[in-house]
Structure formats: C-alpha cells, structure tokens
Amino acid sequence: GSELRLSGFDESGKVRNIDVKEEILDLFSRKRLGESFVN
C-alpha cells in the first residue's frame, strides 16, 4: 500500500513524521491517493 506522511518540526525542534493517509482520504472522500493530489 501507499503511504502519506505529514512531516514537520514540533515545539521542541524535533522532526516528526505522522501517518495521515486515513484522515486525508476521509476528509476528501477519496479511495486512492496520487502524486498530483499530494502536490
């Protein structure tokens, strides 16, 4: 399966990678992700 992660820095300056695939699919009522959609 594909993966979609949200990457950023938290309050302490550490890099965080959080899996957000299910949340994004639910938010947009989609079944699949694609490169153009992520762009």
Full PDB file with SEQRES, HELIX, SHEET, SSBOND, CRYST1, ORIGX, SCALE, CONECT and MASTER records, all heavy atoms in Angstrom:
SEQRES   1 A   39  GLY SER GLU LEU ARG LEU SER GLY PHE ASP GLU SER GLY          
SEQRES   2 A   39  LYS VAL ARG ASN ILE ASP VAL LYS GLU GLU ILE LEU ASP          
SEQRES   3 A   39  LEU PHE SER ARG LYS ARG LEU GLY GLU SER PHE VAL ASN          
HELIX    1 AA1 LYS A   21  PHE A   28  1                                   8    
HELIX    2 AA2 GLU A   35  VAL A   38  1                                   4    
SHEET    1 AA1 2 ARG A   5  PHE A   9  0                                        
SHEET    2 AA1 2 VAL A  15  ASP A  19 -1                                        
CRYST1    1.000    1.000    1.000  90.00  90.00  90.00 P 1           1          
ORIGX1      1.000000  0.000000  0.000000        0.00000                         
ORIGX2      0.000000  1.000000  0.000000        0.00000                         
ORIGX3      0.000000  0.000000  1.000000        0.00000                         
SCALE1      1.000000  0.000000  0.000000        0.00000                         
SCALE2      0.000000  1.000000  0.000000        0.00000                         
SCALE3      0.000000  0.000000  1.000000        0.00000                         
ATOM      1  N   GLY A   1       0.800  -1.221   0.000  1.00  0.00           N  
ATOM      2  CA  GLY A   1       0.000   0.000   0.000  1.00  0.00           C  
ATOM      3  C   GLY A   1       0.833   1.272   0.000  1.00  0.00           C  
ATOM      4  O   GLY A   1       2.008   1.285   0.349  1.00  0.00           O  
ATOM      5  N   SER A   2       0.199   2.359  -0.394  1.00  0.00           N  
ATOM      6  CA  SER A   2       0.868   3.652  -0.412  1.00  0.00           C  
ATOM      7  C   SER A   2       0.904   4.243   0.997  1.00  0.00           C  
ATOM      8  O   SER A   2       0.186   3.808   1.888  1.00  0.00           O  
ATOM      9  CB  SER A   2       0.147   4.605  -1.363  1.00  0.00           C  
ATOM     10  OG  SER A   2      -1.172   4.818  -0.912  1.00  0.00           O  
ATOM     11  N   GLU A   3       1.758   5.251   1.176  1.00  0.00           N  
ATOM     12  CA  GLU A   3       1.880   5.937   2.458  1.00  0.00           C  
ATOM     13  C   GLU A   3       1.803   7.438   2.234  1.00  0.00           C  
ATOM     14  O   GLU A   3       2.316   7.949   1.241  1.00  0.00           O  
ATOM     15  CB  GLU A   3       3.220   5.615   3.125  1.00  0.00           C  
ATOM     16  CG  GLU A   3       3.368   4.206   3.601  1.00  0.00           C  
ATOM     17  CD  GLU A   3       4.698   3.977   4.316  1.00  0.00           C  
ATOM     18  OE1 GLU A   3       5.545   4.895   4.321  1.00  0.00           O  
ATOM     19  OE2 GLU A   3       4.871   2.887   4.860  1.00  0.00           O  
ATOM     20  N   LEU A   4       1.161   8.128   3.168  1.00  0.00           N  
ATOM     21  CA  LEU A   4       1.135   9.581   3.167  1.00  0.00           C  
ATOM     22  C   LEU A   4       1.476  10.034   4.570  1.00  0.00           C  
ATOM     23  O   LEU A   4       0.788   9.693   5.525  1.00  0.00           O  
ATOM     24  CB  LEU A   4      -0.239  10.114   2.753  1.00  0.00           C  
ATOM     25  CG  LEU A   4      -0.353  11.627   2.702  1.00  0.00           C  
ATOM     26  CD1 LEU A   4       0.547  12.193   1.599  1.00  0.00           C  
ATOM     27  CD2 LEU A   4      -1.780  12.052   2.455  1.00  0.00           C  
ATOM     28  N   ARG A   5       2.565  10.780   4.684  1.00  0.00           N  
ATOM     29  CA  ARG A   5       3.026  11.249   5.987  1.00  0.00           C  
ATOM     30  C   ARG A   5       3.093  12.765   5.995  1.00  0.00           C  
ATOM     31  O   ARG A   5       3.416  13.388   4.992  1.00  0.00           O  
ATOM     32  CB  ARG A   5       4.403  10.675   6.313  1.00  0.00           C  
ATOM     33  CG  ARG A   5       4.402   9.174   6.405  1.00  0.00           C  
ATOM     34  CD  ARG A   5       5.692   8.657   6.981  1.00  0.00           C  
ATOM     35  NE  ARG A   5       5.566   7.272   7.368  1.00  0.00           N  
ATOM     36  CZ  ARG A   5       5.077   6.853   8.521  1.00  0.00           C  
ATOM     37  NH1 ARG A   5       4.675   7.714   9.403  1.00  0.00           N  
ATOM     38  NH2 ARG A   5       4.986   5.574   8.782  1.00  0.00           N  
ATOM     39  N   LEU A   6       2.802  13.328   7.163  1.00  0.00           N  
ATOM     40  CA  LEU A   6       2.931  14.755   7.384  1.00  0.00           C  
ATOM     41  C   LEU A   6       4.243  14.970   8.128  1.00  0.00           C  
ATOM     42  O   LEU A   6       4.458  14.414   9.202  1.00  0.00           O  
ATOM     43  CB  LEU A   6       1.755  15.271   8.211  1.00  0.00           C  
ATOM     44  CG  LEU A   6       1.669  16.767   8.417  1.00  0.00           C  
ATOM     45  CD1 LEU A   6       1.430  17.456   7.085  1.00  0.00           C  
ATOM     46  CD2 LEU A   6       0.556  17.097   9.374  1.00  0.00           C  
ATOM     47  N   SER A   7       5.152  15.725   7.536  1.00  0.00           N  
ATOM     48  CA  SER A   7       6.478  15.936   8.100  1.00  0.00           C  
ATOM     49  C   SER A   7       6.628  17.388   8.498  1.00  0.00           C  
ATOM     50  O   SER A   7       6.246  18.294   7.764  1.00  0.00           O  
ATOM     51  CB  SER A   7       7.532  15.571   7.057  1.00  0.00           C  
ATOM     52  OG  SER A   7       8.810  15.840   7.548  1.00  0.00           O  
ATOM     53  N   GLY A   8       7.175  17.613   9.695  1.00  0.00           N  
ATOM     54  CA  GLY A   8       7.401  18.969  10.177  1.00  0.00           C  
ATOM     55  C   GLY A   8       8.146  18.944  11.495  1.00  0.00           C  
ATOM     56  O   GLY A   8       8.481  17.888  12.028  1.00  0.00           O  
ATOM     57  N   PHE A   9       8.399  20.132  12.030  1.00  0.00           N  
ATOM     58  CA  PHE A   9       9.103  20.275  13.304  1.00  0.00           C  
ATOM     59  C   PHE A   9       8.104  20.582  14.403  1.00  0.00           C  
ATOM     60  O   PHE A   9       7.235  21.434  14.235  1.00  0.00           O  
ATOM     61  CB  PHE A   9      10.121  21.415  13.220  1.00  0.00           C  
ATOM     62  CG  PHE A   9      11.237  21.144  12.249  1.00  0.00           C  
ATOM     63  CD1 PHE A   9      11.180  21.647  10.965  1.00  0.00           C  
ATOM     64  CD2 PHE A   9      12.330  20.391  12.622  1.00  0.00           C  
ATOM     65  CE1 PHE A   9      12.207  21.398  10.064  1.00  0.00           C  
ATOM     66  CE2 PHE A   9      13.350  20.133  11.731  1.00  0.00           C  
ATOM     67  CZ  PHE A   9      13.293  20.642  10.450  1.00  0.00           C  
ATOM     68  N   ASP A  10       8.238  19.891  15.565  1.00  0.00           N  
ATOM     69  CA  ASP A  10       7.350  20.168  16.689  1.00  0.00           C  
ATOM     70  C   ASP A  10       7.910  21.321  17.523  1.00  0.00           C  
ATOM     71  O   ASP A  10       8.881  21.971  17.132  1.00  0.00           O  
ATOM     72  CB  ASP A  10       7.117  18.912  17.530  1.00  0.00           C  
ATOM     73  CG  ASP A  10       8.374  18.359  18.157  1.00  0.00           C  
ATOM     74  OD1 ASP A  10       9.456  18.956  17.980  1.00  0.00           O  
ATOM     75  OD2 ASP A  10       8.286  17.322  18.824  1.00  0.00           O  
ATOM     76  N   GLU A  11       7.295  21.584  18.692  1.00  0.00           N  
ATOM     77  CA  GLU A  11       7.683  22.720  19.526  1.00  0.00           C  
ATOM     78  C   GLU A  11       9.119  22.624  20.025  1.00  0.00           C  
ATOM     79  O   GLU A  11       9.792  23.623  20.237  1.00  0.00           O  
ATOM     80  CB  GLU A  11       6.742  22.846  20.730  1.00  0.00           C  
ATOM     81  CG  GLU A  11       5.320  23.196  20.383  1.00  0.00           C  
ATOM     82  CD  GLU A  11       4.457  21.961  20.201  1.00  0.00           C  
ATOM     83  OE1 GLU A  11       4.966  20.827  20.312  1.00  0.00           O  
ATOM     84  OE2 GLU A  11       3.258  22.132  19.936  1.00  0.00           O  
ATOM     85  N   SER A  12       9.606  21.400  20.219  1.00  0.00           N  
ATOM     86  CA  SER A  12      10.970  21.215  20.724  1.00  0.00           C  
ATOM     87  C   SER A  12      12.023  21.197  19.616  1.00  0.00           C  
ATOM     88  O   SER A  12      13.204  21.065  19.899  1.00  0.00           O  
ATOM     89  CB  SER A  12      11.059  19.923  21.544  1.00  0.00           C  
ATOM     90  OG  SER A  12      10.792  18.811  20.726  1.00  0.00           O  
ATOM     91  N   GLY A  13      11.610  21.304  18.362  1.00  0.00           N  
ATOM     92  CA  GLY A  13      12.541  21.325  17.243  1.00  0.00           C  
ATOM     93  C   GLY A  13      12.857  19.967  16.654  1.00  0.00           C  
ATOM     94  O   GLY A  13      13.688  19.858  15.763  1.00  0.00           O  
ATOM     95  N   LYS A  14      12.193  18.904  17.148  1.00  0.00           N  
ATOM     96  CA  LYS A  14      12.410  17.571  16.605  1.00  0.00           C  
ATOM     97  C   LYS A  14      11.568  17.369  15.352  1.00  0.00           C  
ATOM     98  O   LYS A  14      10.453  17.862  15.259  1.00  0.00           O  
ATOM     99  CB  LYS A  14      12.032  16.519  17.640  1.00  0.00           C  
ATOM    100  CG  LYS A  14      12.958  16.458  18.833  1.00  0.00           C  
ATOM    101  CD  LYS A  14      12.473  15.496  19.875  1.00  0.00           C  
ATOM    102  CE  LYS A  14      12.423  14.084  19.346  1.00  0.00           C  
ATOM    103  NZ  LYS A  14      12.009  13.102  20.369  1.00  0.00           N  
ATOM    104  N   VAL A  15      12.107  16.612  14.410  1.00  0.00           N  
ATOM    105  CA  VAL A  15      11.368  16.290  13.185  1.00  0.00           C  
ATOM    106  C   VAL A  15      10.341  15.217  13.519  1.00  0.00           C  
ATOM    107  O   VAL A  15      10.655  14.198  14.126  1.00  0.00           O  
ATOM    108  CB  VAL A  15      12.329  15.801  12.083  1.00  0.00           C  
ATOM    109  CG1 VAL A  15      11.552  15.357  10.863  1.00  0.00           C  
ATOM    110  CG2 VAL A  15      13.323  16.877  11.719  1.00  0.00           C  
ATOM    111  N   ARG A  16       9.098  15.458  13.106  1.00  0.00           N  
ATOM    112  CA  ARG A  16       8.020  14.493  13.335  1.00  0.00           C  
ATOM    113  C   ARG A  16       7.463  14.054  11.985  1.00  0.00           C  
ATOM    114  O   ARG A  16       7.227  14.878  11.109  1.00  0.00           O  
ATOM    115  CB  ARG A  16       6.895  15.135  14.153  1.00  0.00           C  
ATOM    116  CG  ARG A  16       7.298  15.638  15.514  1.00  0.00           C  
ATOM    117  CD  ARG A  16       7.482  14.521  16.466  1.00  0.00           C  
ATOM    118  NE  ARG A  16       6.231  13.817  16.623  1.00  0.00           N  
ATOM    119  CZ  ARG A  16       5.749  13.396  17.766  1.00  0.00           C  
ATOM    120  NH1 ARG A  16       6.411  13.576  18.856  1.00  0.00           N  
ATOM    121  NH2 ARG A  16       4.608  12.763  17.811  1.00  0.00           N  
ATOM    122  N   ASN A  17       7.264  12.763  11.811  1.00  0.00           N  
ATOM    123  CA  ASN A  17       6.613  12.187  10.633  1.00  0.00           C  
ATOM    124  C   ASN A  17       5.386  11.445  11.121  1.00  0.00           C  
ATOM    125  O   ASN A  17       5.505  10.444  11.821  1.00  0.00           O  
ATOM    126  CB  ASN A  17       7.543  11.224   9.896  1.00  0.00           C  
ATOM    127  CG  ASN A  17       8.652  11.942   9.191  1.00  0.00           C  
ATOM    128  OD1 ASN A  17       8.416  12.951   8.540  1.00  0.00           O  
ATOM    129  ND2 ASN A  17       9.861  11.452   9.320  1.00  0.00           N  
ATOM    130  N   ILE A  18       4.209  11.921  10.736  1.00  0.00           N  
ATOM    131  CA  ILE A  18       2.958  11.377  11.234  1.00  0.00           C  
ATOM    132  C   ILE A  18       2.155  10.834  10.064  1.00  0.00           C  
ATOM    133  O   ILE A  18       1.969  11.525   9.055  1.00  0.00           O  
ATOM    134  CB  ILE A  18       2.163  12.451  11.989  1.00  0.00           C  
ATOM    135  CG1 ILE A  18       3.011  12.988  13.144  1.00  0.00           C  
ATOM    136  CG2 ILE A  18       0.850  11.907  12.490  1.00  0.00           C  
ATOM    137  CD1 ILE A  18       2.475  14.232  13.769  1.00  0.00           C  
ATOM    138  N   ASP A  19       1.675   9.599  10.194  1.00  0.00           N  
ATOM    139  CA  ASP A  19       0.863   8.970   9.157  1.00  0.00           C  
ATOM    140  C   ASP A  19      -0.523   9.624   9.142  1.00  0.00           C  
ATOM    141  O   ASP A  19      -1.238   9.588  10.135  1.00  0.00           O  
ATOM    142  CB  ASP A  19       0.741   7.481   9.421  1.00  0.00           C  
ATOM    143  CG  ASP A  19      -0.032   6.758   8.349  1.00  0.00           C  
ATOM    144  OD1 ASP A  19      -0.061   7.255   7.200  1.00  0.00           O  
ATOM    145  OD2 ASP A  19      -0.601   5.697   8.639  1.00  0.00           O  
ATOM    146  N   VAL A  20      -0.893  10.245   8.016  1.00  0.00           N  
ATOM    147  CA  VAL A  20      -2.168  10.944   7.903  1.00  0.00           C  
ATOM    148  C   VAL A  20      -2.996  10.452   6.727  1.00  0.00           C  
ATOM    149  O   VAL A  20      -3.955  11.107   6.320  1.00  0.00           O  
ATOM    150  CB  VAL A  20      -1.955  12.478   7.789  1.00  0.00           C  
ATOM    151  CG1 VAL A  20      -1.388  13.035   9.065  1.00  0.00           C  
ATOM    152  CG2 VAL A  20      -1.076  12.824   6.609  1.00  0.00           C  
ATOM    153  N   LYS A  21      -2.662   9.302   6.190  1.00  0.00           N  
ATOM    154  CA  LYS A  21      -3.342   8.808   4.993  1.00  0.00           C  
ATOM    155  C   LYS A  21      -4.839   8.643   5.211  1.00  0.00           C  
ATOM    156  O   LYS A  21      -5.650   9.136   4.416  1.00  0.00           O  
ATOM    157  CB  LYS A  21      -2.729   7.472   4.566  1.00  0.00           C  
ATOM    158  CG  LYS A  21      -3.398   6.872   3.346  1.00  0.00           C  
ATOM    159  CD  LYS A  21      -2.776   5.553   2.976  1.00  0.00           C  
ATOM    160  CE  LYS A  21      -3.526   4.895   1.849  1.00  0.00           C  
ATOM    161  NZ  LYS A  21      -2.959   3.599   1.496  1.00  0.00           N  
ATOM    162  N   GLU A  22      -5.248   7.966   6.279  1.00  0.00           N  
ATOM    163  CA  GLU A  22      -6.676   7.712   6.513  1.00  0.00           C  
ATOM    164  C   GLU A  22      -7.442   9.002   6.753  1.00  0.00           C  
ATOM    165  O   GLU A  22      -8.564   9.165   6.273  1.00  0.00           O  
ATOM    166  CB  GLU A  22      -6.852   6.752   7.694  1.00  0.00           C  
ATOM    167  CG  GLU A  22      -6.305   5.364   7.436  1.00  0.00           C  
ATOM    168  CD  GLU A  22      -6.942   4.689   6.233  1.00  0.00           C  
ATOM    169  OE1 GLU A  22      -8.169   4.835   6.035  1.00  0.00           O  
ATOM    170  OE2 GLU A  22      -6.215   4.022   5.486  1.00  0.00           O  
ATOM    171  N   GLU A  23      -6.854   9.932   7.480  1.00  0.00           N  
ATOM    172  CA  GLU A  23      -7.514  11.209   7.748  1.00  0.00           C  
ATOM    173  C   GLU A  23      -7.736  12.005   6.456  1.00  0.00           C  
ATOM    174  O   GLU A  23      -8.807  12.561   6.229  1.00  0.00           O  
ATOM    175  CB  GLU A  23      -6.687  12.029   8.733  1.00  0.00           C  
ATOM    176  CG  GLU A  23      -7.191  13.425   8.957  1.00  0.00           C  
ATOM    177  CD  GLU A  23      -8.512  13.502   9.686  1.00  0.00           C  
ATOM    178  OE1 GLU A  23      -8.891  12.530  10.357  1.00  0.00           O  
ATOM    179  OE2 GLU A  23      -9.172  14.541   9.556  1.00  0.00           O  
ATOM    180  N   ILE A  24      -6.735  12.032   5.579  1.00  0.00           N  
ATOM    181  CA  ILE A  24      -6.858  12.761   4.308  1.00  0.00           C  
ATOM    182  C   ILE A  24      -7.870  12.082   3.395  1.00  0.00           C  
ATOM    183  O   ILE A  24      -8.692  12.749   2.757  1.00  0.00           O  
ATOM    184  CB  ILE A  24      -5.480  12.895   3.626  1.00  0.00           C  
ATOM    185  CG1 ILE A  24      -4.556  13.789   4.455  1.00  0.00           C  
ATOM    186  CG2 ILE A  24      -5.608  13.415   2.207  1.00  0.00           C  
ATOM    187  CD1 ILE A  24      -5.006  15.229   4.550  1.00  0.00           C  
ATOM    188  N   LEU A  25      -7.852  10.756   3.328  1.00  0.00           N  
ATOM    189  CA  LEU A  25      -8.834  10.048   2.497  1.00  0.00           C  
ATOM    190  C   LEU A  25     -10.252  10.316   2.997  1.00  0.00           C  
ATOM    191  O   LEU A  25     -11.165  10.529   2.193  1.00  0.00           O  
ATOM    192  CB  LEU A  25      -8.548   8.546   2.493  1.00  0.00           C  
ATOM    193  CG  LEU A  25      -7.292   8.102   1.751  1.00  0.00           C  
ATOM    194  CD1 LEU A  25      -7.085   6.607   1.921  1.00  0.00           C  
ATOM    195  CD2 LEU A  25      -7.363   8.462   0.288  1.00  0.00           C  
ATOM    196  N   ASP A  26     -10.456  10.323   4.318  1.00  0.00           N  
ATOM    197  CA  ASP A  26     -11.783  10.624   4.874  1.00  0.00           C  
ATOM    198  C   ASP A  26     -12.179  12.071   4.635  1.00  0.00           C  
ATOM    199  O   ASP A  26     -13.329  12.366   4.316  1.00  0.00           O  
ATOM    200  CB  ASP A  26     -11.815  10.332   6.378  1.00  0.00           C  
ATOM    201  CG  ASP A  26     -11.755   8.855   6.680  1.00  0.00           C  
ATOM    202  OD1 ASP A  26     -12.011   8.048   5.761  1.00  0.00           O  
ATOM    203  OD2 ASP A  26     -11.447   8.510   7.832  1.00  0.00           O  
ATOM    204  N   LEU A  27     -11.227  12.989   4.794  1.00  0.00           N  
ATOM    205  CA  LEU A  27     -11.511  14.414   4.640  1.00  0.00           C  
ATOM    206  C   LEU A  27     -11.972  14.751   3.224  1.00  0.00           C  
ATOM    207  O   LEU A  27     -12.884  15.549   3.030  1.00  0.00           O  
ATOM    208  CB  LEU A  27     -10.264  15.222   5.000  1.00  0.00           C  
ATOM    209  CG  LEU A  27     -10.362  16.739   4.938  1.00  0.00           C  
ATOM    210  CD1 LEU A  27     -11.376  17.241   5.953  1.00  0.00           C  
ATOM    211  CD2 LEU A  27      -9.004  17.358   5.194  1.00  0.00           C  
ATOM    212  N   PHE A  28     -11.380  14.110   2.229  1.00  0.00           N  
ATOM    213  CA  PHE A  28     -11.703  14.394   0.834  1.00  0.00           C  
ATOM    214  C   PHE A  28     -12.623  13.354   0.213  1.00  0.00           C  
ATOM    215  O   PHE A  28     -12.893  13.419  -0.986  1.00  0.00           O  
ATOM    216  CB  PHE A  28     -10.421  14.513   0.006  1.00  0.00           C  
ATOM    217  CG  PHE A  28      -9.651  15.766   0.282  1.00  0.00           C  
ATOM    218  CD1 PHE A  28      -8.639  15.779   1.219  1.00  0.00           C  
ATOM    219  CD2 PHE A  28      -9.953  16.940  -0.380  1.00  0.00           C  
ATOM    220  CE1 PHE A  28      -7.934  16.933   1.487  1.00  0.00           C  
ATOM    221  CE2 PHE A  28      -9.254  18.096  -0.125  1.00  0.00           C  
ATOM    222  CZ  PHE A  28      -8.244  18.096   0.816  1.00  0.00           C  
ATOM    223  N   SER A  29     -13.095  12.390   0.984  1.00  0.00           N  
ATOM    224  CA  SER A  29     -13.978  11.314   0.495  1.00  0.00           C  
ATOM    225  C   SER A  29     -13.371  10.617  -0.724  1.00  0.00           C  
ATOM    226  O   SER A  29     -14.023  10.419  -1.735  1.00  0.00           O  
ATOM    227  CB  SER A  29     -15.363  11.869   0.155  1.00  0.00           C  
ATOM    228  OG  SER A  29     -15.942  12.453   1.282  1.00  0.00           O  
ATOM    229  N   ARG A  30     -12.119  10.239  -0.601  1.00  0.00           N  
ATOM    230  CA  ARG A  30     -11.407   9.563  -1.676  1.00  0.00           C  
ATOM    231  C   ARG A  30     -11.079   8.138  -1.282  1.00  0.00           C  
ATOM    232  O   ARG A  30     -11.049   7.802  -0.103  1.00  0.00           O  
ATOM    233  CB  ARG A  30     -10.099  10.299  -1.996  1.00  0.00           C  
ATOM    234  CG  ARG A  30     -10.294  11.669  -2.588  1.00  0.00           C  
ATOM    235  CD  ARG A  30      -8.960  12.334  -2.820  1.00  0.00           C  
ATOM    236  NE  ARG A  30      -8.180  11.655  -3.829  1.00  0.00           N  
ATOM    237  CZ  ARG A  30      -7.962  12.116  -5.048  1.00  0.00           C  
ATOM    238  NH1 ARG A  30      -8.496  13.240  -5.422  1.00  0.00           N  
ATOM    239  NH2 ARG A  30      -7.214  11.452  -5.889  1.00  0.00           N  
ATOM    240  N   LYS A  31     -10.801   7.309  -2.290  1.00  0.00           N  
ATOM    241  CA  LYS A  31     -10.371   5.939  -2.047  1.00  0.00           C  
ATOM    242  C   LYS A  31      -8.880   5.771  -2.301  1.00  0.00           C  
ATOM    243  O   LYS A  31      -8.263   4.879  -1.736  1.00  0.00           O  
ATOM    244  CB  LYS A  31     -11.147   4.972  -2.947  1.00  0.00           C  
ATOM    245  CG  LYS A  31     -12.613   4.908  -2.618  1.00  0.00           C  
ATOM    246  CD  LYS A  31     -13.317   3.904  -3.498  1.00  0.00           C  
ATOM    247  CE  LYS A  31     -14.786   3.854  -3.165  1.00  0.00           C  
ATOM    248  NZ  LYS A  31     -15.506   2.911  -4.022  1.00  0.00           N  
ATOM    249  N   ARG A  32      -8.313   6.610  -3.156  1.00  0.00           N  
ATOM    250  CA  ARG A  32      -6.915   6.475  -3.543  1.00  0.00           C  
ATOM    251  C   ARG A  32      -6.212   7.821  -3.494  1.00  0.00           C  
ATOM    252  O   ARG A  32      -6.822   8.869  -3.642  1.00  0.00           O  
ATOM    253  CB  ARG A  32      -6.802   5.935  -4.956  1.00  0.00           C  
ATOM    254  CG  ARG A  32      -7.339   4.566  -5.116  1.00  0.00           C  
ATOM    255  CD  ARG A  32      -7.159   4.075  -6.528  1.00  0.00           C  
ATOM    256  NE  ARG A  32      -7.747   2.760  -6.669  1.00  0.00           N  
ATOM    257  CZ  ARG A  32      -8.306   2.328  -7.757  1.00  0.00           C  
ATOM    258  NH1 ARG A  32      -8.344   3.072  -8.823  1.00  0.00           N  
ATOM    259  NH2 ARG A  32      -8.825   1.120  -7.801  1.00  0.00           N  
ATOM    260  N   LEU A  33      -4.894   7.744  -3.343  1.00  0.00           N  
ATOM    261  CA  LEU A  33      -4.041   8.919  -3.413  1.00  0.00           C  
ATOM    262  C   LEU A  33      -3.256   8.876  -4.717  1.00  0.00           C  
ATOM    263  O   LEU A  33      -3.092   7.830  -5.313  1.00  0.00           O  
ATOM    264  CB  LEU A  33      -3.046   8.925  -2.251  1.00  0.00           C  
ATOM    265  CG  LEU A  33      -3.636   9.021  -0.863  1.00  0.00           C  
ATOM    266  CD1 LEU A  33      -2.531   8.820   0.166  1.00  0.00           C  
ATOM    267  CD2 LEU A  33      -4.304  10.347  -0.659  1.00  0.00           C  
ATOM    268  N   GLY A  34      -2.754  10.014  -5.108  1.00  0.00           N  
ATOM    269  CA  GLY A  34      -1.912  10.084  -6.294  1.00  0.00           C  
ATOM    270  C   GLY A  34      -0.911  11.208  -6.152  1.00  0.00           C  
ATOM    271  O   GLY A  34      -1.046  12.082  -5.289  1.00  0.00           O  
ATOM    272  N   GLU A  35       0.097  11.201  -6.997  1.00  0.00           N  
ATOM    273  CA  GLU A  35       1.156  12.204  -6.936  1.00  0.00           C  
ATOM    274  C   GLU A  35       0.606  13.613  -7.166  1.00  0.00           C  
ATOM    275  O   GLU A  35       0.980  14.549  -6.456  1.00  0.00           O  
ATOM    276  CB  GLU A  35       2.215  11.862  -7.985  1.00  0.00           C  
ATOM    277  CG  GLU A  35       3.536  12.543  -7.778  1.00  0.00           C  
ATOM    278  CD  GLU A  35       4.310  11.974  -6.606  1.00  0.00           C  
ATOM    279  OE1 GLU A  35       4.269  10.768  -6.374  1.00  0.00           O  
ATOM    280  OE2 GLU A  35       4.966  12.767  -5.918  1.00  0.00           O  
ATOM    281  N   SER A  36      -0.286  13.784  -8.137  1.00  0.00           N  
ATOM    282  CA  SER A  36      -0.817  15.115  -8.417  1.00  0.00           C  
ATOM    283  C   SER A  36      -1.697  15.627  -7.270  1.00  0.00           C  
ATOM    284  O   SER A  36      -1.669  16.808  -6.941  1.00  0.00           O  
ATOM    285  CB  SER A  36      -1.606  15.112  -9.729  1.00  0.00           C  
ATOM    286  OG  SER A  36      -2.707  14.239  -9.630  1.00  0.00           O  
ATOM    287  N   PHE A  37      -2.452  14.730  -6.636  1.00  0.00           N  
ATOM    288  CA  PHE A  37      -3.276  15.121  -5.499  1.00  0.00           C  
ATOM    289  C   PHE A  37      -2.406  15.582  -4.327  1.00  0.00           C  
ATOM    290  O   PHE A  37      -2.696  16.593  -3.680  1.00  0.00           O  
ATOM    291  CB  PHE A  37      -4.175  13.958  -5.076  1.00  0.00           C  
ATOM    292  CG  PHE A  37      -5.004  14.237  -3.863  1.00  0.00           C  
ATOM    293  CD1 PHE A  37      -6.042  15.153  -3.913  1.00  0.00           C  
ATOM    294  CD2 PHE A  37      -4.741  13.587  -2.669  1.00  0.00           C  
ATOM    295  CE1 PHE A  37      -6.805  15.408  -2.790  1.00  0.00           C  
ATOM    296  CE2 PHE A  37      -5.498  13.840  -1.552  1.00  0.00           C  
ATOM    297  CZ  PHE A  37      -6.532  14.757  -1.609  1.00  0.00           C  
ATOM    298  N   VAL A  38      -1.316  14.883  -4.058  1.00  0.00           N  
ATOM    299  CA  VAL A  38      -0.418  15.256  -2.966  1.00  0.00           C  
ATOM    300  C   VAL A  38       0.289  16.570  -3.277  1.00  0.00           C  
ATOM    301  O   VAL A  38       0.511  17.394  -2.383  1.00  0.00           O  
ATOM    302  CB  VAL A  38       0.588  14.120  -2.677  1.00  0.00           C  
ATOM    303  CG1 VAL A  38       1.602  14.537  -1.633  1.00  0.00           C  
ATOM    304  CG2 VAL A  38      -0.156  12.884  -2.218  1.00  0.00           C  
ATOM    305  N   ASN A  39       0.608  16.825  -4.547  1.00  0.00           N  
ATOM    306  CA  ASN A  39       1.199  18.112  -4.923  1.00  0.00           C  
ATOM    307  C   ASN A  39       0.233  19.253  -4.654  1.00  0.00           C  
ATOM    308  O   ASN A  39       0.647  20.331  -4.200  1.00  0.00           O  
ATOM    309  CB  ASN A  39       1.613  18.104  -6.392  1.00  0.00           C  
ATOM    310  CG  ASN A  39       2.807  17.206  -6.637  1.00  0.00           C  
ATOM    311  OD1 ASN A  39       3.569  16.911  -5.724  1.00  0.00           O  
ATOM    312  ND2 ASN A  39       2.968  16.764  -7.868  1.00  0.00           N  
TER     313      ASN A  39                                                      
MASTER        0    0    0    2    2    0    0    6  312    1    0    3          
END                                                                             
